[in-house]
Every structure is written in structure tokens, then in C-alpha cells.
Amino acid sequence: MPRQNGVVIYGIKNCDTMKKARSWLEEHGVPYEFHDYKTAGIDGDRLKAWAGEVGWEKLLNRAGTTFRKLPDTEKADMTEEKALRLMQEQPSLIKRPVLDMGNRRLVGFKPDIYAEAFAG
């Protein structure tokens, strides 16, 4: 089924931040498609494109349990290449949500930023 407005929200179904972001979209009548990393994974080329747009440091979720459980050797000397590999292997390492609006991406959820992005 084609997307009506090209909005895709990427994340994990049971994440609280994802629930808030999806509720915001629904309450504001924004149709979207949901891409669940846990079931569908993430394409390496897409991840690389996002990193090129928003920066791999912004994409990497260092605050989550998955990152904290990584061996110190994996956390040390982090580079873009290493971060992208880890995020593709363990999508829980990607900050959530990533909102793909077709012409731009938003990382994380803040109601005021979503409101500004969808204004007009």
C-alpha cells in the first residue's frame, strides 16, 4: 500500500518514546507507516544516508541498555563505521524514533519539534 504523505516512523513497538510519538501523530491526524526494527531490521544504505544527514553520533543511542551492555572494546574508539555496523547488527542502538518525512529526518521525539515540522 503506498504511503499517502511519505511519513515513516522507525523504531521498536514497545518503546515508550515510540508510543508517545505515534500517539502524537495519530492525535494530529498525520498518516504514517510504522517500521519495526525488531521484525524488519534496517537497511545499511538507509542507515548510512541518515548518518550523512543527521550525524552518526545523533543516531547512536548511548543512553540505552543495549549500549551499556556492549563490551568495553566495542564502546571504545567509536567511529562512524563501527557505530553503523553496531546499529545494523543491534537496531536497539538506534535512537528512537527516526521520523522519515521524505525530504527530512527527525531523530528522537519532542512534541514542539513535531508540531513545527508538520505546521502548514
PDB file of N, CA and C in Angstrom:
ATOM      1  N   MET A   1       0.852  -1.193   0.000  1.00  0.00           N
ATOM      2  CA  MET A   1       0.000   0.000   0.000  1.00  0.00           C
ATOM      3  C   MET A   1       0.890   1.246   0.000  1.00  0.00           C
ATOM      4  N   PRO A   2       0.745   2.146  -0.939  1.00  0.00           N
ATOM      5  CA  PRO A   2       1.599   3.338  -0.984  1.00  0.00           C
ATOM      6  C   PRO A   2       1.302   4.290   0.167  1.00  0.00           C
ATOM      7  N   ARG A   3       2.344   4.951   0.624  1.00  0.00           N
ATOM      8  CA  ARG A   3       2.186   5.923   1.705  1.00  0.00           C
ATOM      9  C   ARG A   3       1.557   7.182   1.137  1.00  0.00           C
ATOM     10  N   GLN A   4       0.587   7.720   1.843  1.00  0.00           N
ATOM     11  CA  GLN A   4      -0.118   8.908   1.369  1.00  0.00           C
ATOM     12  C   GLN A   4       0.771  10.144   1.412  1.00  0.00           C
ATOM     13  N   ASN A   5       1.501  10.319   2.497  1.00  0.00           N
ATOM     14  CA  ASN A   5       2.300  11.538   2.623  1.00  0.00           C
ATOM     15  C   ASN A   5       3.779  11.244   2.793  1.00  0.00           C
ATOM     16  N   GLY A   6       4.170   9.991   2.646  1.00  0.00           N
ATOM     17  CA  GLY A   6       5.569   9.638   2.728  1.00  0.00           C
ATOM     18  C   GLY A   6       6.152   9.594   4.128  1.00  0.00           C
ATOM     19  N   VAL A   7       5.334   9.642   5.179  1.00  0.00           N
ATOM     20  CA  VAL A   7       5.850   9.635   6.537  1.00  0.00           C
ATOM     21  C   VAL A   7       6.001   8.199   7.032  1.00  0.00           C
ATOM     22  N   VAL A   8       7.232   7.878   7.460  1.00  0.00           N
ATOM     23  CA  VAL A   8       7.501   6.563   8.047  1.00  0.00           C
ATOM     24  C   VAL A   8       8.181   6.811   9.386  1.00  0.00           C
ATOM     25  N   ILE A   9       7.683   6.145  10.419  1.00  0.00           N
ATOM     26  CA  ILE A   9       8.309   6.246  11.731  1.00  0.00           C
ATOM     27  C   ILE A   9       9.015   4.922  12.006  1.00  0.00           C
ATOM     28  N   TYR A  10      10.306   5.026  12.299  1.00  0.00           N
ATOM     29  CA  TYR A  10      11.152   3.862  12.537  1.00  0.00           C
ATOM     30  C   TYR A  10      11.424   3.723  14.019  1.00  0.00           C
ATOM     31  N   GLY A  11      11.305   2.496  14.523  1.00  0.00           N
ATOM     32  CA  GLY A  11      11.603   2.265  15.930  1.00  0.00           C
ATOM     33  C   GLY A  11      11.224   0.874  16.362  1.00  0.00           C
ATOM     34  N   ILE A  12      10.912   0.750  17.630  1.00  0.00           N
ATOM     35  CA  ILE A  12      10.571  -0.519  18.250  1.00  0.00           C
ATOM     36  C   ILE A  12       9.208  -0.370  18.906  1.00  0.00           C
ATOM     37  N   LYS A  13       8.338  -1.319  18.634  1.00  0.00           N
ATOM     38  CA  LYS A  13       6.935  -1.236  19.043  1.00  0.00           C
ATOM     39  C   LYS A  13       6.718  -0.890  20.515  1.00  0.00           C
ATOM     40  N   ASN A  14       7.436  -1.541  21.417  1.00  0.00           N
ATOM     41  CA  ASN A  14       7.149  -1.373  22.844  1.00  0.00           C
ATOM     42  C   ASN A  14       7.933  -0.266  23.535  1.00  0.00           C
ATOM     43  N   CYS A  15       8.655   0.535  22.787  1.00  0.00           N
ATOM     44  CA  CYS A  15       9.418   1.649  23.359  1.00  0.00           C
ATOM     45  C   CYS A  15       8.451   2.765  23.770  1.00  0.00           C
ATOM     46  N   ASP A  16       8.595   3.275  24.993  1.00  0.00           N
ATOM     47  CA  ASP A  16       7.699   4.325  25.490  1.00  0.00           C
ATOM     48  C   ASP A  16       7.762   5.590  24.644  1.00  0.00           C
ATOM     49  N   THR A  17       8.957   5.977  24.218  1.00  0.00           N
ATOM     50  CA  THR A  17       9.088   7.171  23.387  1.00  0.00           C
ATOM     51  C   THR A  17       8.395   6.968  22.053  1.00  0.00           C
ATOM     52  N   MET A  18       8.493   5.766  21.519  1.00  0.00           N
ATOM     53  CA  MET A  18       7.794   5.448  20.265  1.00  0.00           C
ATOM     54  C   MET A  18       6.287   5.578  20.450  1.00  0.00           C
ATOM     55  N   LYS A  19       5.788   5.076  21.567  1.00  0.00           N
ATOM     56  CA  LYS A  19       4.345   5.157  21.837  1.00  0.00           C
ATOM     57  C   LYS A  19       3.886   6.615  21.883  1.00  0.00           C
ATOM     58  N   LYS A  20       4.690   7.468  22.514  1.00  0.00           N
ATOM     59  CA  LYS A  20       4.348   8.893  22.597  1.00  0.00           C
ATOM     60  C   LYS A  20       4.349   9.530  21.208  1.00  0.00           C
ATOM     61  N   ALA A  21       5.362   9.208  20.414  1.00  0.00           N
ATOM     62  CA  ALA A  21       5.464   9.789  19.071  1.00  0.00           C
ATOM     63  C   ALA A  21       4.310   9.318  18.187  1.00  0.00           C
ATOM     64  N   ARG A  22       4.000   8.029  18.242  1.00  0.00           N
ATOM     65  CA  ARG A  22       2.899   7.505  17.421  1.00  0.00           C
ATOM     66  C   ARG A  22       1.567   8.110  17.865  1.00  0.00           C
ATOM     67  N   SER A  23       1.376   8.263  19.171  1.00  0.00           N
ATOM     68  CA  SER A  23       0.146   8.898  19.681  1.00  0.00           C
ATOM     69  C   SER A  23       0.052  10.330  19.185  1.00  0.00           C
ATOM     70  N   TRP A  24       1.176  11.057  19.203  1.00  0.00           N
ATOM     71  CA  TRP A  24       1.176  12.437  18.727  1.00  0.00           C
ATOM     72  C   TRP A  24       0.747  12.485  17.268  1.00  0.00           C
ATOM     73  N   LEU A  25       1.321  11.624  16.431  1.00  0.00           N
ATOM     74  CA  LEU A  25       0.968  11.600  15.007  1.00  0.00           C
ATOM     75  C   LEU A  25      -0.521  11.303  14.824  1.00  0.00           C
ATOM     76  N   GLU A  26      -1.033  10.325  15.570  1.00  0.00           N
ATOM     77  CA  GLU A  26      -2.451   9.957  15.460  1.00  0.00           C
ATOM     78  C   GLU A  26      -3.350  11.092  15.926  1.00  0.00           C
ATOM     79  N   GLU A  27      -3.014  11.723  17.045  1.00  0.00           N
ATOM     80  CA  GLU A  27      -3.823  12.826  17.574  1.00  0.00           C
ATOM     81  C   GLU A  27      -3.847  14.026  16.639  1.00  0.00           C
ATOM     82  N   HIS A  28      -2.806  14.173  15.834  1.00  0.00           N
ATOM     83  CA  HIS A  28      -2.720  15.306  14.907  1.00  0.00           C
ATOM     84  C   HIS A  28      -3.080  14.922  13.472  1.00  0.00           C
ATOM     85  N   GLY A  29      -3.648  13.729  13.317  1.00  0.00           N
ATOM     86  CA  GLY A  29      -4.143  13.306  12.006  1.00  0.00           C
ATOM     87  C   GLY A  29      -3.065  13.132  10.950  1.00  0.00           C
ATOM     88  N   VAL A  30      -1.869  12.767  11.370  1.00  0.00           N
ATOM     89  CA  VAL A  30      -0.776  12.554  10.416  1.00  0.00           C
ATOM     90  C   VAL A  30      -0.701  11.068  10.072  1.00  0.00           C
ATOM     91  N   PRO A  31      -1.057  10.706   8.831  1.00  0.00           N
ATOM     92  CA  PRO A  31      -0.942   9.295   8.453  1.00  0.00           C
ATOM     93  C   PRO A  31       0.532   8.903   8.346  1.00  0.00           C
ATOM     94  N   TYR A  32       0.833   7.704   8.803  1.00  0.00           N
ATOM     95  CA  TYR A  32       2.226   7.255   8.778  1.00  0.00           C
ATOM     96  C   TYR A  32       2.279   5.747   8.623  1.00  0.00           C
ATOM     97  N   GLU A  33       3.447   5.284   8.240  1.00  0.00           N
ATOM     98  CA  GLU A  33       3.737   3.856   8.196  1.00  0.00           C
ATOM     99  C   GLU A  33       4.734   3.602   9.324  1.00  0.00           C
ATOM    100  N   PHE A  34       4.591   2.475  10.020  1.00  0.00           N
ATOM    101  CA  PHE A  34       5.491   2.135  11.110  1.00  0.00           C
ATOM    102  C   PHE A  34       6.443   1.037  10.658  1.00  0.00           C
ATOM    103  N   HIS A  35       7.743   1.267  10.844  1.00  0.00           N
ATOM    104  CA  HIS A  35       8.766   0.273  10.521  1.00  0.00           C
ATOM    105  C   HIS A  35       9.394  -0.180  11.831  1.00  0.00           C
ATOM    106  N   ASP A  36       9.171  -1.438  12.176  1.00  0.00           N
ATOM    107  CA  ASP A  36       9.677  -2.002  13.430  1.00  0.00           C
ATOM    108  C   ASP A  36      11.031  -2.661  13.186  1.00  0.00           C
ATOM    109  N   TYR A  37      12.074  -2.102  13.809  1.00  0.00           N
ATOM    110  CA  TYR A  37      13.418  -2.657  13.658  1.00  0.00           C
ATOM    111  C   TYR A  37      13.504  -4.111  14.114  1.00  0.00           C
ATOM    112  N   LYS A  38      12.738  -4.445  15.144  1.00  0.00           N
ATOM    113  CA  LYS A  38      12.826  -5.794  15.717  1.00  0.00           C
ATOM    114  C   LYS A  38      12.369  -6.853  14.716  1.00  0.00           C
ATOM    115  N   THR A  39      11.354  -6.526  13.914  1.00  0.00           N
ATOM    116  CA  THR A  39      10.832  -7.506  12.965  1.00  0.00           C
ATOM    117  C   THR A  39      11.374  -7.322  11.557  1.00  0.00           C
ATOM    118  N   ALA A  40      11.673  -6.086  11.161  1.00  0.00           N
ATOM    119  CA  ALA A  40      12.073  -5.816   9.776  1.00  0.00           C
ATOM    120  C   ALA A  40      13.546  -5.433   9.612  1.00  0.00           C
ATOM    121  N   GLY A  41      14.257  -5.222  10.725  1.00  0.00           N
ATOM    122  CA  GLY A  41      15.657  -4.817  10.626  1.00  0.00           C
ATOM    123  C   GLY A  41      15.791  -3.427  10.024  1.00  0.00           C
ATOM    124  N   ILE A  42      17.005  -3.096   9.607  1.00  0.00           N
ATOM    125  CA  ILE A  42      17.248  -1.799   8.983  1.00  0.00           C
ATOM    126  C   ILE A  42      18.292  -1.985   7.889  1.00  0.00           C
ATOM    127  N   ASP A  43      18.045  -1.369   6.772  1.00  0.00           N
ATOM    128  CA  ASP A  43      18.926  -1.441   5.623  1.00  0.00           C
ATOM    129  C   ASP A  43      20.183  -0.600   5.873  1.00  0.00           C
ATOM    130  N   GLY A  44      21.345  -1.173   5.610  1.00  0.00           N
ATOM    131  CA  GLY A  44      22.606  -0.482   5.840  1.00  0.00           C
ATOM    132  C   GLY A  44      22.746   0.806   5.055  1.00  0.00           C
ATOM    133  N   ASP A  45      22.265   0.821   3.815  1.00  0.00           N
ATOM    134  CA  ASP A  45      22.355   2.039   2.995  1.00  0.00           C
ATOM    135  C   ASP A  45      21.491   3.152   3.575  1.00  0.00           C
ATOM    136  N   ARG A  46      20.310   2.792   4.081  1.00  0.00           N
ATOM    137  CA  ARG A  46      19.420   3.788   4.694  1.00  0.00           C
ATOM    138  C   ARG A  46      20.079   4.369   5.942  1.00  0.00           C
ATOM    139  N   LEU A  47      20.651   3.500   6.757  1.00  0.00           N
ATOM    140  CA  LEU A  47      21.320   3.923   7.982  1.00  0.00           C
ATOM    141  C   LEU A  47      22.480   4.868   7.657  1.00  0.00           C
ATOM    142  N   LYS A  48      23.250   4.543   6.636  1.00  0.00           N
ATOM    143  CA  LYS A  48      24.383   5.378   6.214  1.00  0.00           C
ATOM    144  C   LYS A  48      23.887   6.748   5.720  1.00  0.00           C
ATOM    145  N   ALA A  49      22.779   6.750   4.979  1.00  0.00           N
ATOM    146  CA  ALA A  49      22.203   8.011   4.491  1.00  0.00           C
ATOM    147  C   ALA A  49      21.743   8.875   5.669  1.00  0.00           C
ATOM    148  N   TRP A  50      21.091   8.264   6.654  1.00  0.00           N
ATOM    149  CA  TRP A  50      20.664   9.018   7.837  1.00  0.00           C
ATOM    150  C   TRP A  50      21.871   9.619   8.544  1.00  0.00           C
ATOM    151  N   ALA A  51      22.919   8.816   8.701  1.00  0.00           N
ATOM    152  CA  ALA A  51      24.126   9.292   9.375  1.00  0.00           C
ATOM    153  C   ALA A  51      24.725  10.479   8.618  1.00  0.00           C
ATOM    154  N   GLY A  52      24.672  10.415   7.291  1.00  0.00           N
ATOM    155  CA  GLY A  52      25.174  11.514   6.484  1.00  0.00           C
ATOM    156  C   GLY A  52      24.350  12.777   6.663  1.00  0.00           C
ATOM    157  N   GLU A  53      23.071  12.599   6.941  1.00  0.00           N
ATOM    158  CA  GLU A  53      22.163  13.743   7.096  1.00  0.00           C
ATOM    159  C   GLU A  53      22.184  14.314   8.519  1.00  0.00           C
ATOM    160  N   VAL A  54      22.042  13.457   9.521  1.00  0.00           N
ATOM    161  CA  VAL A  54      21.895  13.945  10.901  1.00  0.00           C
ATOM    162  C   VAL A  54      23.134  13.719  11.754  1.00  0.00           C
ATOM    163  N   GLY A  55      24.075  12.900  11.272  1.00  0.00           N
ATOM    164  CA  GLY A  55      25.276  12.582  12.036  1.00  0.00           C
ATOM    165  C   GLY A  55      25.113  11.273  12.792  1.00  0.00           C
ATOM    166  N   TRP A  56      26.120  10.417  12.709  1.00  0.00           N
ATOM    167  CA  TRP A  56      26.018   9.111  13.373  1.00  0.00           C
ATOM    168  C   TRP A  56      25.964   9.257  14.889  1.00  0.00           C
ATOM    169  N   GLU A  57      26.580  10.308  15.433  1.00  0.00           N
ATOM    170  CA  GLU A  57      26.561  10.499  16.879  1.00  0.00           C
ATOM    171  C   GLU A  57      25.140  10.739  17.389  1.00  0.00           C
ATOM    172  N   LYS A  58      24.331  11.441  16.594  1.00  0.00           N
ATOM    173  CA  LYS A  58      22.941  11.716  16.977  1.00  0.00           C
ATOM    174  C   LYS A  58      22.091  10.445  16.865  1.00  0.00           C
ATOM    175  N   LEU A  59      22.425   9.589  15.914  1.00  0.00           N
ATOM    176  CA  LEU A  59      21.675   8.346  15.713  1.00  0.00           C
ATOM    177  C   LEU A  59      21.963   7.288  16.773  1.00  0.00           C
ATOM    178  N   LEU A  60      23.181   7.282  17.288  1.00  0.00           N
ATOM    179  CA  LEU A  60      23.592   6.236  18.229  1.00  0.00           C
ATOM    180  C   LEU A  60      23.008   6.493  19.613  1.00  0.00           C
ATOM    181  N   ASN A  61      22.231   5.554  20.092  1.00  0.00           N
ATOM    182  CA  ASN A  61      21.580   5.671  21.399  1.00  0.00           C
ATOM    183  C   ASN A  61      22.526   5.151  22.484  1.00  0.00           C
ATOM    184  N   ARG A  62      23.321   6.065  23.021  1.00  0.00           N
ATOM    185  CA  ARG A  62      24.290   5.689  24.062  1.00  0.00           C
ATOM    186  C   ARG A  62      23.627   5.569  25.438  1.00  0.00           C
ATOM    187  N   ALA A  63      22.401   6.062  25.574  1.00  0.00           N
ATOM    188  CA  ALA A  63      21.733   6.072  26.879  1.00  0.00           C
ATOM    189  C   ALA A  63      21.006   4.764  27.186  1.00  0.00           C
ATOM    190  N   GLY A  64      20.806   3.940  26.174  1.00  0.00           N
ATOM    191  CA  GLY A  64      20.002   2.736  26.360  1.00  0.00           C
ATOM    192  C   GLY A  64      20.757   1.562  26.950  1.00  0.00           C
ATOM    193  N   THR A  65      19.995   0.584  27.393  1.00  0.00           N
ATOM    194  CA  THR A  65      20.534  -0.639  27.982  1.00  0.00           C
ATOM    195  C   THR A  65      21.419  -1.386  26.997  1.00  0.00           C
ATOM    196  N   THR A  66      21.013  -1.421  25.734  1.00  0.00           N
ATOM    197  CA  THR A  66      21.773  -2.164  24.734  1.00  0.00           C
ATOM    198  C   THR A  66      23.199  -1.624  24.636  1.00  0.00           C
ATOM    199  N   PHE A  67      23.358  -0.309  24.629  1.00  0.00           N
ATOM    200  CA  PHE A  67      24.696   0.278  24.546  1.00  0.00           C
ATOM    201  C   PHE A  67      25.487  -0.030  25.816  1.00  0.00           C
ATOM    202  N   ARG A  68      24.848   0.116  26.974  1.00  0.00           N
ATOM    203  CA  ARG A  68      25.546  -0.126  28.242  1.00  0.00           C
ATOM    204  C   ARG A  68      26.015  -1.575  28.354  1.00  0.00           C
ATOM    205  N   LYS A  69      25.300  -2.512  27.729  1.00  0.00           N
ATOM    206  CA  LYS A  69      25.664  -3.930  27.792  1.00  0.00           C
ATOM    207  C   LYS A  69      26.757  -4.322  26.796  1.00  0.00           C
ATOM    208  N   LEU A  70      27.094  -3.410  25.880  1.00  0.00           N
ATOM    209  CA  LEU A  70      28.160  -3.719  24.924  1.00  0.00           C
ATOM    210  C   LEU A  70      29.486  -3.914  25.660  1.00  0.00           C
ATOM    211  N   PRO A  71      30.334  -4.813  25.150  1.00  0.00           N
ATOM    212  CA  PRO A  71      31.670  -4.940  25.743  1.00  0.00           C
ATOM    213  C   PRO A  71      32.423  -3.616  25.610  1.00  0.00           C
ATOM    214  N   ASP A  72      33.279  -3.326  26.570  1.00  0.00           N
ATOM    215  CA  ASP A  72      34.042  -2.075  26.543  1.00  0.00           C
ATOM    216  C   ASP A  72      34.834  -1.928  25.255  1.00  0.00           C
ATOM    217  N   THR A  73      35.285  -3.043  24.702  1.00  0.00           N
ATOM    218  CA  THR A  73      36.054  -2.979  23.449  1.00  0.00           C
ATOM    219  C   THR A  73      35.203  -2.445  22.306  1.00  0.00           C
ATOM    220  N   GLU A  74      33.907  -2.727  22.324  1.00  0.00           N
ATOM    221  CA  GLU A  74      33.001  -2.216  21.281  1.00  0.00           C
ATOM    222  C   GLU A  74      32.708  -0.735  21.490  1.00  0.00           C
ATOM    223  N   LYS A  75      32.608  -0.325  22.759  1.00  0.00           N
ATOM    224  CA  LYS A  75      32.302   1.083  23.061  1.00  0.00           C
ATOM    225  C   LYS A  75      33.506   1.995  22.860  1.00  0.00           C
ATOM    226  N   ALA A  76      34.703   1.437  22.968  1.00  0.00           N
ATOM    227  CA  ALA A  76      35.928   2.230  22.862  1.00  0.00           C
ATOM    228  C   ALA A  76      36.197   2.628  21.418  1.00  0.00           C
ATOM    229  N   ASP A  77      36.808   3.789  21.250  1.00  0.00           N
ATOM    230  CA  ASP A  77      37.244   4.247  19.924  1.00  0.00           C
ATOM    231  C   ASP A  77      36.123   4.173  18.882  1.00  0.00           C
ATOM    232  N   MET A  78      34.963   4.698  19.239  1.00  0.00           N
ATOM    233  CA  MET A  78      33.809   4.644  18.343  1.00  0.00           C
ATOM    234  C   MET A  78      34.047   5.510  17.110  1.00  0.00           C
ATOM    235  N   THR A  79      33.790   4.923  15.960  1.00  0.00           N
ATOM    236  CA  THR A  79      33.885   5.638  14.690  1.00  0.00           C
ATOM    237  C   THR A  79      32.541   5.490  13.990  1.00  0.00           C
ATOM    238  N   GLU A  80      32.350   6.248  12.927  1.00  0.00           N
ATOM    239  CA  GLU A  80      31.102   6.129  12.176  1.00  0.00           C
ATOM    240  C   GLU A  80      30.920   4.712  11.646  1.00  0.00           C
ATOM    241  N   GLU A  81      31.973   4.150  11.081  1.00  0.00           N
ATOM    242  CA  GLU A  81      31.882   2.797  10.513  1.00  0.00           C
ATOM    243  C   GLU A  81      31.494   1.776  11.582  1.00  0.00           C
ATOM    244  N   LYS A  82      32.135   1.867  12.736  1.00  0.00           N
ATOM    245  CA  LYS A  82      31.844   0.947  13.840  1.00  0.00           C
ATOM    246  C   LYS A  82      30.410   1.148  14.345  1.00  0.00           C
ATOM    247  N   ALA A  83      30.009   2.410  14.514  1.00  0.00           N
ATOM    248  CA  ALA A  83      28.657   2.720  15.008  1.00  0.00           C
ATOM    249  C   ALA A  83      27.595   2.197  14.044  1.00  0.00           C
ATOM    250  N   LEU A  84      27.788   2.412  12.743  1.00  0.00           N
ATOM    251  CA  LEU A  84      26.812   1.943  11.756  1.00  0.00           C
ATOM    252  C   LEU A  84      26.720   0.424  11.762  1.00  0.00           C
ATOM    253  N   ARG A  85      27.853  -0.259  11.889  1.00  0.00           N
ATOM    254  CA  ARG A  85      27.841  -1.724  11.951  1.00  0.00           C
ATOM    255  C   ARG A  85      27.064  -2.189  13.173  1.00  0.00           C
ATOM    256  N   LEU A  86      27.357  -1.586  14.324  1.00  0.00           N
ATOM    257  CA  LEU A  86      26.670  -1.976  15.559  1.00  0.00           C
ATOM    258  C   LEU A  86      25.169  -1.697  15.478  1.00  0.00           C
ATOM    259  N   MET A  87      24.793  -0.525  14.920  1.00  0.00           N
ATOM    260  CA  MET A  87      23.367  -0.185  14.811  1.00  0.00           C
ATOM    261  C   MET A  87      22.642  -1.145  13.878  1.00  0.00           C
ATOM    262  N   GLN A  88      23.320  -1.586  12.826  1.00  0.00           N
ATOM    263  CA  GLN A  88      22.665  -2.522  11.923  1.00  0.00           C
ATOM    264  C   GLN A  88      22.535  -3.899  12.575  1.00  0.00           C
ATOM    265  N   GLU A  89      23.557  -4.311  13.310  1.00  0.00           N
ATOM    266  CA  GLU A  89      23.519  -5.605  13.995  1.00  0.00           C
ATOM    267  C   GLU A  89      22.512  -5.599  15.148  1.00  0.00           C
ATOM    268  N   GLN A  90      22.415  -4.463  15.852  1.00  0.00           N
ATOM    269  CA  GLN A  90      21.533  -4.337  17.014  1.00  0.00           C
ATOM    270  C   GLN A  90      20.730  -3.042  16.898  1.00  0.00           C
ATOM    271  N   PRO A  91      19.609  -3.073  16.162  1.00  0.00           N
ATOM    272  CA  PRO A  91      18.834  -1.850  15.913  1.00  0.00           C
ATOM    273  C   PRO A  91      18.382  -1.120  17.173  1.00  0.00           C
ATOM    274  N   SER A  92      18.401  -1.776  18.321  1.00  0.00           N
ATOM    275  CA  SER A  92      18.060  -1.078  19.569  1.00  0.00           C
ATOM    276  C   SER A  92      19.068   0.019  19.876  1.00  0.00           C
ATOM    277  N   LEU A  93      20.212   0.000  19.200  1.00  0.00           N
ATOM    278  CA  LEU A  93      21.229   1.043  19.389  1.00  0.00           C
ATOM    279  C   LEU A  93      20.898   2.321  18.624  1.00  0.00           C
ATOM    280  N   ILE A  94      19.853   2.278  17.793  1.00  0.00           N
ATOM    281  CA  ILE A  94      19.452   3.471  17.042  1.00  0.00           C
ATOM    282  C   ILE A  94      18.491   4.274  17.919  1.00  0.00           C
ATOM    283  N   LYS A  95      18.797   5.558  18.096  1.00  0.00           N
ATOM    284  CA  LYS A  95      17.922   6.425  18.886  1.00  0.00           C
ATOM    285  C   LYS A  95      16.535   6.409  18.252  1.00  0.00           C
ATOM    286  N   ARG A  96      15.524   6.418  19.108  1.00  0.00           N
ATOM    287  CA  ARG A  96      14.147   6.307  18.621  1.00  0.00           C
ATOM    288  C   ARG A  96      13.324   7.525  19.020  1.00  0.00           C
ATOM    289  N   PRO A  97      12.329   7.781  18.183  1.00  0.00           N
ATOM    290  CA  PRO A  97      12.136   7.266  16.823  1.00  0.00           C
ATOM    291  C   PRO A  97      12.984   8.034  15.811  1.00  0.00           C
ATOM    292  N   VAL A  98      13.078   7.450  14.627  1.00  0.00           N
ATOM    293  CA  VAL A  98      13.553   8.205  13.472  1.00  0.00           C
ATOM    294  C   VAL A  98      12.311   8.423  12.624  1.00  0.00           C
ATOM    295  N   LEU A  99      11.958   9.674  12.416  1.00  0.00           N
ATOM    296  CA  LEU A  99      10.781  10.017  11.625  1.00  0.00           C
ATOM    297  C   LEU A  99      11.256  10.451  10.250  1.00  0.00           C
ATOM    298  N   ASP A 100      10.899   9.670   9.250  1.00  0.00           N
ATOM    299  CA  ASP A 100      11.289   9.964   7.871  1.00  0.00           C
ATOM    300  C   ASP A 100      10.110  10.655   7.200  1.00  0.00           C
ATOM    301  N   MET A 101      10.310  11.940   6.889  1.00  0.00           N
ATOM    302  CA  MET A 101       9.245  12.732   6.276  1.00  0.00           C
ATOM    303  C   MET A 101       9.439  12.859   4.768  1.00  0.00           C
ATOM    304  N   GLY A 102      10.303  12.023   4.212  1.00  0.00           N
ATOM    305  CA  GLY A 102      10.550  12.083   2.784  1.00  0.00           C
ATOM    306  C   GLY A 102      11.679  13.037   2.452  1.00  0.00           C
ATOM    307  N   ASN A 103      11.499  14.299   2.818  1.00  0.00           N
ATOM    308  CA  ASN A 103      12.519  15.308   2.497  1.00  0.00           C
ATOM    309  C   ASN A 103      13.438  15.616   3.677  1.00  0.00           C
ATOM    310  N   ARG A 104      13.126  15.075   4.852  1.00  0.00           N
ATOM    311  CA  ARG A 104      13.977  15.275   6.031  1.00  0.00           C
ATOM    312  C   ARG A 104      13.693  14.225   7.088  1.00  0.00           C
ATOM    313  N   ARG A 105      14.630  14.072   7.999  1.00  0.00           N
ATOM    314  CA  ARG A 105      14.505  13.126   9.090  1.00  0.00           C
ATOM    315  C   ARG A 105      14.578  13.837  10.428  1.00  0.00           C
ATOM    316  N   LEU A 106      13.770  13.380  11.378  1.00  0.00           N
ATOM    317  CA  LEU A 106      13.825  13.865  12.756  1.00  0.00           C
ATOM    318  C   LEU A 106      14.219  12.681  13.632  1.00  0.00           C
ATOM    319  N   VAL A 107      15.154  12.903  14.552  1.00  0.00           N
ATOM    320  CA  VAL A 107      15.611  11.832  15.439  1.00  0.00           C
ATOM    321  C   VAL A 107      15.201  12.175  16.857  1.00  0.00           C
ATOM    322  N   GLY A 108      14.540  11.234  17.523  1.00  0.00           N
ATOM    323  CA  GLY A 108      14.027  11.477  18.866  1.00  0.00           C
ATOM    324  C   GLY A 108      12.628  12.071  18.776  1.00  0.00           C
ATOM    325  N   PHE A 109      11.978  12.237  19.930  1.00  0.00           N
ATOM    326  CA  PHE A 109      10.631  12.804  19.919  1.00  0.00           C
ATOM    327  C   PHE A 109      10.532  13.972  20.884  1.00  0.00           C
ATOM    328  N   LYS A 110      10.148  15.110  20.337  1.00  0.00           N
ATOM    329  CA  LYS A 110       9.802  16.298  21.120  1.00  0.00           C
ATOM    330  C   LYS A 110       8.553  16.875  20.460  1.00  0.00           C
ATOM    331  N   PRO A 111       7.445  16.968  21.207  1.00  0.00           N
ATOM    332  CA  PRO A 111       6.187  17.438  20.619  1.00  0.00           C
ATOM    333  C   PRO A 111       6.315  18.764  19.871  1.00  0.00           C
ATOM    334  N   ASP A 112       7.096  19.719  20.423  1.00  0.00           N
ATOM    335  CA  ASP A 112       7.201  21.031  19.758  1.00  0.00           C
ATOM    336  C   ASP A 112       7.920  20.919  18.411  1.00  0.00           C
ATOM    337  N   ILE A 113       8.882  20.034  18.303  1.00  0.00           N
ATOM    338  CA  ILE A 113       9.591  19.855  17.035  1.00  0.00           C
ATOM    339  C   ILE A 113       8.685  19.170  16.013  1.00  0.00           C
ATOM    340  N   TYR A 114       7.898  18.208  16.456  1.00  0.00           N
ATOM    341  CA  TYR A 114       6.936  17.573  15.540  1.00  0.00           C
ATOM    342  C   TYR A 114       5.906  18.594  15.079  1.00  0.00           C
ATOM    343  N   ALA A 115       5.413  19.419  16.014  1.00  0.00           N
ATOM    344  CA  ALA A 115       4.414  20.431  15.655  1.00  0.00           C
ATOM    345  C   ALA A 115       4.977  21.392  14.611  1.00  0.00           C
ATOM    346  N   GLU A 116       6.219  21.817  14.801  1.00  0.00           N
ATOM    347  CA  GLU A 116       6.857  22.727  13.854  1.00  0.00           C
ATOM    348  C   GLU A 116       7.040  22.043  12.487  1.00  0.00           C
ATOM    349  N   ALA A 117       7.435  20.773  12.511  1.00  0.00           N
ATOM    350  CA  ALA A 117       7.677  20.039  11.266  1.00  0.00           C
ATOM    351  C   ALA A 117       6.402  19.849  10.446  1.00  0.00           C
ATOM    352  N   PHE A 118       5.269  19.712  11.129  1.00  0.00           N
ATOM    353  CA  PHE A 118       4.011  19.471  10.423  1.00  0.00           C
ATOM    354  C   PHE A 118       3.131  20.718  10.301  1.00  0.00           C
ATOM    355  N   ALA A 119       3.626  21.846  10.742  1.00  0.00           N
ATOM    356  CA  ALA A 119       2.853  23.093  10.629  1.00  0.00           C
ATOM    357  C   ALA A 119       2.654  23.451   9.153  1.00  0.00           C
ATOM    358  N   GLY A 120       1.463  23.902   8.838  1.00  0.00           N
ATOM    359  CA  GLY A 120       1.174  24.334   7.462  1.00  0.00           C
ATOM    360  C   GLY A 120       0.937  23.145   6.607  1.00  0.00           C
TER     361      GLY A 120
END
